[in-house]
C-alpha atoms as a PDB file:
ATOM      1  CA  MET A   1      11.883  87.910-153.395  1.00  0.00           C
ATOM      2  CA  ARG A   2      11.189  89.103-156.911  1.00  0.00           C
ATOM      3  CA  GLY A   3       8.898  86.247-157.967  1.00  0.00           C
ATOM      4  CA  GLU A   4      11.420  84.823-160.428  1.00  0.00           C
ATOM      5  CA  MET A   5      13.306  81.548-160.324  1.00  0.00           C
ATOM      6  CA  VAL A   6      13.888  80.135-156.848  1.00  0.00           C
ATOM      7  CA  ILE A   7      16.536  77.527-156.138  1.00  0.00           C
ATOM      8  CA  HIS A   8      16.627  74.927-153.398  1.00  0.00           C
ATOM      9  CA  LEU A   9      20.213  73.775-152.910  1.00  0.00           C
ATOM     10  CA  VAL A  10      20.858  70.636-150.870  1.00  0.00           C
ATOM     11  CA  ARG A  11      24.450  69.898-149.871  1.00  0.00           C
ATOM     12  CA  ILE A  12      25.147  66.303-148.872  1.00  0.00           C
ATOM     13  CA  ASP A  13      28.348  64.894-147.381  1.00  0.00           C
ATOM     14  CA  VAL A  14      28.640  61.097-147.475  1.00  0.00           C
ATOM     15  CA  PRO A  15      31.345  58.846-145.980  1.00  0.00           C
ATOM     16  CA  PRO A  16      33.722  57.729-148.765  1.00  0.00           C
ATOM     17  CA  ALA A  17      32.852  54.060-148.321  1.00  0.00           C
ATOM     18  CA  ARG A  18      29.209  54.784-149.214  1.00  0.00           C
ATOM     19  CA  ALA A  19      29.743  57.312-151.999  1.00  0.00           C
ATOM     20  CA  GLU A  20      29.057  54.988-154.928  1.00  0.00           C
ATOM     21  CA  GLU A  21      26.040  53.483-153.197  1.00  0.00           C
ATOM     22  CA  PHE A  22      24.663  56.954-152.563  1.00  0.00           C
ATOM     23  CA  SER A  23      25.377  58.037-156.131  1.00  0.00           C
ATOM     24  CA  ARG A  24      23.158  55.199-157.400  1.00  0.00           C
ATOM     25  CA  TRP A  25      20.462  55.613-154.750  1.00  0.00           C
ATOM     26  CA  GLN A  26      19.923  59.356-155.099  1.00  0.00           C
ATOM     27  CA  ALA A  27      18.552  59.299-158.667  1.00  0.00           C
ATOM     28  CA  SER A  28      15.130  57.874-157.809  1.00  0.00           C
ATOM     29  CA  HIS A  29      14.951  59.948-154.618  1.00  0.00           C
ATOM     30  CA  VAL A  30      15.437  63.207-156.544  1.00  0.00           C
ATOM     31  CA  VAL A  31      12.830  62.160-159.119  1.00  0.00           C
ATOM     32  CA  GLU A  32      10.320  61.664-156.298  1.00  0.00           C
ATOM     33  CA  ALA A  33      11.216  65.056-154.828  1.00  0.00           C
ATOM     34  CA  VAL A  34      10.614  66.796-158.158  1.00  0.00           C
ATOM     35  CA  ALA A  35       7.262  65.047-158.515  1.00  0.00           C
ATOM     36  CA  ALA A  36       6.285  66.336-155.064  1.00  0.00           C
ATOM     37  CA  MET A  37       7.339  69.876-155.998  1.00  0.00           C
ATOM     38  CA  GLY A  38       5.130  70.021-159.082  1.00  0.00           C
ATOM     39  CA  ARG A  39       5.422  69.993-162.853  1.00  0.00           C
ATOM     40  CA  SER A  40       7.293  73.307-163.072  1.00  0.00           C
ATOM     41  CA  ALA A  41      10.191  72.057-160.935  1.00  0.00           C
ATOM     42  CA  ILE A  42      13.526  71.063-162.466  1.00  0.00           C
ATOM     43  CA  ALA A  43      16.279  69.132-160.718  1.00  0.00           C
ATOM     44  CA  ALA A  44      19.949  68.406-161.302  1.00  0.00           C
ATOM     45  CA  ARG A  45      22.382  66.273-159.316  1.00  0.00           C
ATOM     46  CA  ALA A  46      26.102  66.848-159.065  1.00  0.00           C
ATOM     47  CA  ARG A  47      29.192  65.442-157.419  1.00  0.00           C
ATOM     48  CA  VAL A  48      31.898  67.867-156.358  1.00  0.00           C
ATOM     49  CA  GLN A  49      35.173  66.946-158.019  1.00  0.00           C
ATOM     50  CA  GLY A  50      38.122  66.265-155.743  1.00  0.00           C
ATOM     51  CA  SER A  51      35.927  65.716-152.702  1.00  0.00           C
ATOM     52  CA  ASP A  52      36.673  62.247-151.338  1.00  0.00           C
ATOM     53  CA  ASP A  53      36.572  62.545-147.551  1.00  0.00           C
ATOM     54  CA  PRO A  54      33.719  63.162-147.283  1.00  0.00           C
ATOM     55  CA  ALA A  55      32.262  62.679-150.748  1.00  0.00           C
ATOM     56  CA  GLN A  56      30.249  65.808-151.537  1.00  0.00           C
ATOM     57  CA  PHE A  57      27.053  65.819-153.581  1.00  0.00           C
ATOM     58  CA  ARG A  58      24.707  68.629-154.567  1.00  0.00           C
ATOM     59  CA  TRP A  59      21.006  68.583-155.405  1.00  0.00           C
ATOM     60  CA  PHE A  60      19.994  71.660-157.342  1.00  0.00           C
ATOM     61  CA  PHE A  61      16.238  72.255-157.634  1.00  0.00           C
ATOM     62  CA  GLU A  62      14.771  75.120-159.664  1.00  0.00           C
ATOM     63  CA  LEU A  63      11.213  76.205-158.864  1.00  0.00           C
ATOM     64  CA  ALA A  64       8.908  78.893-160.213  1.00  0.00           C
ATOM     65  CA  SER A  65       8.233  80.653-156.913  1.00  0.00           C
ATOM     66  CA  LEU A  66       8.988  80.789-153.206  1.00  0.00           C
ATOM     67  CA  SER A  67       5.437  79.663-152.406  1.00  0.00           C
ATOM     68  CA  THR A  68       6.015  76.480-154.413  1.00  0.00           C
ATOM     69  CA  LEU A  69       9.131  75.727-152.376  1.00  0.00           C
ATOM     70  CA  GLU A  70       7.368  76.520-149.094  1.00  0.00           C
ATOM     71  CA  SER A  71       4.486  74.205-149.969  1.00  0.00           C
ATOM     72  CA  TYR A  72       6.911  71.388-150.682  1.00  0.00           C
ATOM     73  CA  LEU A  73       8.900  71.895-147.480  1.00  0.00           C
ATOM     74  CA  ILE A  74       5.793  71.508-145.287  1.00  0.00           C
ATOM     75  CA  SER A  75       4.266  68.660-147.292  1.00  0.00           C
ATOM     76  CA  ARG A  76       3.776  65.072-146.181  1.00  0.00           C
ATOM     77  CA  GLU A  77       5.668  63.919-149.257  1.00  0.00           C
ATOM     78  CA  ARG A  78       8.737  65.859-148.212  1.00  0.00           C
ATOM     79  CA  ASP A  79       8.557  64.422-144.673  1.00  0.00           C
ATOM     80  CA  ASP A  80       8.371  60.910-146.106  1.00  0.00           C
ATOM     81  CA  LEU A  81      11.344  61.551-148.390  1.00  0.00           C
ATOM     82  CA  ALA A  82      13.400  63.004-145.538  1.00  0.00           C
ATOM     83  CA  GLN A  83      12.672  59.944-143.399  1.00  0.00           C
ATOM     84  CA  ALA A  84      13.617  57.601-146.253  1.00  0.00           C
ATOM     85  CA  PHE A  85      16.905  59.485-146.655  1.00  0.00           C
ATOM     86  CA  LYS A  86      17.664  59.334-142.946  1.00  0.00           C
ATOM     87  CA  THR A  87      16.908  55.618-142.837  1.00  0.00           C
ATOM     88  CA  ALA A  88      19.061  54.802-145.871  1.00  0.00           C
ATOM     89  CA  PHE A  89      22.011  57.071-145.006  1.00  0.00           C
ATOM     90  CA  PRO A  90      21.960  57.946-141.283  1.00  0.00           C
ATOM     91  CA  ASP A  91      25.619  58.988-141.399  1.00  0.00           C
ATOM     92  CA  ALA A  92      25.149  61.558-144.190  1.00  0.00           C
ATOM     93  CA  LYS A  93      25.304  65.260-143.360  1.00  0.00           C
ATOM     94  CA  VAL A  94      22.733  67.478-145.054  1.00  0.00           C
ATOM     95  CA  HIS A  95      22.560  71.267-145.334  1.00  0.00           C
ATOM     96  CA  MET A  96      19.732  73.027-147.189  1.00  0.00           C
ATOM     97  CA  GLU A  97      19.640  76.548-148.646  1.00  0.00           C
ATOM     98  CA  PHE A  98      17.370  78.560-150.876  1.00  0.00           C
ATOM     99  CA  GLY A  99      17.875  81.606-153.044  1.00  0.00           C
ATOM    100  CA  GLU A 100      16.772  83.494-156.149  1.00  0.00           C
ATOM    101  CA  ILE A 101      18.300  84.223-159.502  1.00  0.00           C
ATOM    102  CA  GLU A 102      19.972  87.603-159.870  1.00  0.00           C
ATOM    103  CA  GLY A 103      20.685  89.455-163.088  1.00  0.00           C
ATOM    104  CA  ASN A 104      20.128  87.683-166.395  1.00  0.00           C
ATOM    105  CA  THR A 105      21.246  84.327-167.701  1.00  0.00           C
ATOM    106  CA  ARG A 106      24.262  84.991-169.876  1.00  0.00           C
ATOM    107  CA  ARG A 107      24.746  83.388-173.267  1.00  0.00           C
ATOM    108  CA  GLY A 108      22.472  80.332-172.991  1.00  0.00           C
ATOM    109  CA  LEU A 109      22.677  76.793-174.270  1.00  0.00           C
ATOM    110  CA  ARG A 110      22.985  75.910-177.913  1.00  0.00           C
ATOM    111  CA  TYR A 111      22.244  72.636-179.677  1.00  0.00           C
ATOM    112  CA  GLY A 112      24.774  70.013-178.660  1.00  0.00           C
ATOM    113  CA  GLU A 113      25.904  71.949-175.588  1.00  0.00           C
ATOM    114  CA  GLU A 114      24.021  70.082-172.868  1.00  0.00           C
ATOM    115  CA  PRO A 115      26.172  70.764-169.780  1.00  0.00           C
ATOM    116  CA  GLY A 116      27.962  67.886-168.144  1.00  0.00           C
ATOM    117  CA  ALA A 117      29.736  69.940-165.499  1.00  0.00           C
ATOM    118  CA  ALA A 118      29.825  73.315-163.802  1.00  0.00           C
ATOM    119  CA  TYR A 119      32.471  75.609-162.406  1.00  0.00           C
ATOM    120  CA  THR A 120      30.959  77.167-159.299  1.00  0.00           C
ATOM    121  CA  VAL A 121      31.994  80.221-157.326  1.00  0.00           C
ATOM    122  CA  GLU A 122      30.512  80.854-153.906  1.00  0.00           C
ATOM    123  CA  VAL A 123      31.185  84.296-152.506  1.00  0.00           C
ATOM    124  CA  LYS A 124      30.420  86.254-149.390  1.00  0.00           C
ATOM    125  CA  VAL A 125      30.287  89.935-150.236  1.00  0.00           C
ATOM    126  CA  PRO A 126      30.231  92.538-147.447  1.00  0.00           C
ATOM    127  CA  THR A 127      26.767  94.093-147.507  1.00  0.00           C
ATOM    128  CA  ALA A 128      28.213  97.558-148.092  1.00  0.00           C
ATOM    129  CA  ASP A 129      29.907  96.332-151.297  1.00  0.00           C
ATOM    130  CA  ARG A 130      27.021  94.256-152.619  1.00  0.00           C
ATOM    131  CA  PHE A 131      25.735  96.536-155.375  1.00  0.00           C
ATOM    132  CA  ALA A 132      29.165  97.644-156.604  1.00  0.00           C
ATOM    133  CA  TRP A 133      30.309  94.021-156.671  1.00  0.00           C
ATOM    134  CA  ALA A 134      27.191  92.824-158.530  1.00  0.00           C
ATOM    135  CA  GLU A 135      27.493  95.545-161.173  1.00  0.00           C
ATOM    136  CA  TRP A 136      31.155  94.748-161.789  1.00  0.00           C
ATOM    137  CA  TYR A 137      30.684  90.996-161.677  1.00  0.00           C
ATOM    138  CA  ASP A 138      27.776  90.979-164.162  1.00  0.00           C
ATOM    139  CA  SER A 139      29.163  93.559-166.573  1.00  0.00           C
ATOM    140  CA  GLU A 140      32.864  92.656-166.540  1.00  0.00           C
ATOM    141  CA  HIS A 141      33.760  89.443-164.740  1.00  0.00           C
ATOM    142  CA  ILE A 142      31.135  87.066-166.128  1.00  0.00           C
ATOM    143  CA  PRO A 143      31.800  88.155-169.739  1.00  0.00           C
ATOM    144  CA  ALA A 144      35.546  87.636-169.166  1.00  0.00           C
ATOM    145  CA  VAL A 145      34.941  84.105-167.867  1.00  0.00           C
ATOM    146  CA  LEU A 146      32.570  83.232-170.716  1.00  0.00           C
ATOM    147  CA  ASP A 147      35.079  84.584-173.213  1.00  0.00           C
ATOM    148  CA  SER A 148      37.327  81.638-172.377  1.00  0.00           C
ATOM    149  CA  GLY A 149      35.059  79.411-174.453  1.00  0.00           C
ATOM    150  CA  ALA A 150      34.855  76.754-171.749  1.00  0.00           C
ATOM    151  CA  PHE A 151      31.310  77.536-170.698  1.00  0.00           C
ATOM    152  CA  VAL A 152      27.881  77.512-172.298  1.00  0.00           C
ATOM    153  CA  ARG A 153      25.942  79.444-169.662  1.00  0.00           C
ATOM    154  CA  ALA A 154      26.379  81.534-166.511  1.00  0.00           C
ATOM    155  CA  ARG A 155      23.833  82.119-163.767  1.00  0.00           C
ATOM    156  CA  ARG A 156      24.152  84.094-160.544  1.00  0.00           C
ATOM    157  CA  PHE A 157      21.996  83.366-157.505  1.00  0.00           C
ATOM    158  CA  GLU A 158      21.657  85.145-154.178  1.00  0.00           C
ATOM    159  CA  ILE A 159      21.450  82.622-151.342  1.00  0.00           C
ATOM    160  CA  HIS A 160      19.313  83.769-148.413  1.00  0.00           C
ATOM    161  CA  ASP A 161      20.573  83.216-144.884  1.00  0.00           C
ATOM    162  CA  ASP A 162      20.807  84.994-141.539  1.00  0.00           C
ATOM    163  CA  ASP A 163      24.173  86.658-142.186  1.00  0.00           C
ATOM    164  CA  GLU A 164      23.223  90.334-142.294  1.00  0.00           C
ATOM    165  CA  ALA A 165      26.850  91.423-142.690  1.00  0.00           C
ATOM    166  CA  HIS A 166      27.289  89.639-146.029  1.00  0.00           C
ATOM    167  CA  SER A 167      25.481  88.829-149.247  1.00  0.00           C
ATOM    168  CA  HIS A 168      25.948  85.152-150.099  1.00  0.00           C
ATOM    169  CA  GLN A 169      26.169  84.561-153.850  1.00  0.00           C
ATOM    170  CA  LEU A 170      26.435  81.382-155.920  1.00  0.00           C
ATOM    171  CA  ILE A 171      27.593  81.640-159.532  1.00  0.00           C
ATOM    172  CA  VAL A 172      27.164  78.573-161.723  1.00  0.00           C
ATOM    173  CA  TYR A 173      29.109  78.439-164.980  1.00  0.00           C
ATOM    174  CA  ASP A 174      27.840  75.447-166.963  1.00  0.00           C
ATOM    175  CA  ALA A 175      30.461  73.627-169.035  1.00  0.00           C
ATOM    176  CA  VAL A 176      30.129  70.881-171.619  1.00  0.00           C
ATOM    177  CA  ASP A 177      32.158  68.522-169.430  1.00  0.00           C
ATOM    178  CA  VAL A 178      34.569  68.353-166.505  1.00  0.00           C
ATOM    179  CA  GLU A 179      37.598  68.585-168.800  1.00  0.00           C
ATOM    180  CA  ALA A 180      36.396  71.933-170.191  1.00  0.00           C
ATOM    181  CA  ALA A 181      36.022  73.327-166.681  1.00  0.00           C
ATOM    182  CA  GLN A 182      39.442  72.009-165.651  1.00  0.00           C
ATOM    183  CA  THR A 183      41.023  73.549-168.739  1.00  0.00           C
ATOM    184  CA  TYR A 184      39.576  76.932-167.785  1.00  0.00           C
ATOM    185  CA  VAL A 185      40.970  76.628-164.253  1.00  0.00           C
ATOM    186  CA  SER A 186      44.467  75.781-165.478  1.00  0.00           C
ATOM    187  CA  GLU A 187      44.639  78.275-168.345  1.00  0.00           C
ATOM    188  CA  LYS A 188      42.655  81.327-167.292  1.00  0.00           C
ATOM    189  CA  GLY A 189      40.972  80.800-163.935  1.00  0.00           C
ATOM    190  CA  GLY A 190      43.900  81.856-161.795  1.00  0.00           C
ATOM    191  CA  ARG A 191      44.340  85.202-163.521  1.00  0.00           C
ATOM    192  CA  LEU A 192      40.641  86.075-163.318  1.00  0.00           C
ATOM    193  CA  ALA A 193      40.443  84.944-159.689  1.00  0.00           C
ATOM    194  CA  GLU A 194      43.361  87.257-158.886  1.00  0.00           C
ATOM    195  CA  ALA A 195      41.600  90.133-160.661  1.00  0.00           C
ATOM    196  CA  HIS A 196      38.559  89.402-158.484  1.00  0.00           C
ATOM    197  CA  ARG A 197      40.670  89.542-155.310  1.00  0.00           C
ATOM    198  CA  GLU A 198      42.382  92.765-156.348  1.00  0.00           C
ATOM    199  CA  ARG A 199      39.098  94.517-157.146  1.00  0.00           C
ATOM    200  CA  PHE A 200      37.257  93.311-154.027  1.00  0.00           C
ATOM    201  CA  PRO A 201      39.793  92.151-151.430  1.00  0.00           C
ATOM    202  CA  ASN A 202      37.143  91.788-148.705  1.00  0.00           C
ATOM    203  CA  VAL A 203      35.105  89.253-150.698  1.00  0.00           C
ATOM    204  CA  GLN A 204      35.523  85.620-149.648  1.00  0.00           C
ATOM    205  CA  ALA A 205      35.384  83.183-152.586  1.00  0.00           C
ATOM    206  CA  THR A 206      35.292  79.390-152.743  1.00  0.00           C
ATOM    207  CA  ARG A 207      35.566  77.658-156.117  1.00  0.00           C
ATOM    208  CA  ALA A 208      34.739  74.112-157.165  1.00  0.00           C
ATOM    209  CA  ILE A 209      33.953  71.934-160.155  1.00  0.00           C
ATOM    210  CA  TRP A 210      30.709  69.970-160.098  1.00  0.00           C
ATOM    211  CA  GLU A 211      30.032  67.022-162.373  1.00  0.00           C
ATOM    212  CA  TRP A 212      26.352  66.916-163.322  1.00  0.00           C
ATOM    213  CA  LEU A 213      25.083  63.350-162.974  1.00  0.00           C
ATOM    214  CA  GLY A 214      22.673  61.891-165.517  1.00  0.00           C
END
């Protein structure tokens, strides 16, 4: 780890019948989690568009360091929150990941551009191609996506797991709203996705639109 921003990504699948209940319930739970992580922590909640069975939600925590995340994960507060979650939604499926920011934030937010959605790309890059892919993606692909005008910021994270054969990357393109992200997908996304496949055919990519929840 390089000592820069660390992310804690929580993926939650909820039965469709409980999706709206969960959407309301999660707000206070995430606030309590951030308080337990410390004043430097930032959190965002999202619902994956088009995911109805199950309904998919994402909790996206940003922390200053790995040690901060580790302290939270072994804390009594975190155990209490996990038990409260399990009690309230025993049929939810939860998967947790952590990672670090790679490269530099591109563009950045301007006044009036508070993101309401994100276009996300999750990729598995063969380890042998990792550096060539990262150089191309940061220098060519991200600028081409941002040039569409749909997005206000792009961030690339490396997710850490036990898959030694691949580098797991998460790219988050923040958009003003869901409509802006959908417009990108319909007008330009397909062509750029095809360029990605042609350049790195062994890379596996999964794309989605998240709606950030207030």
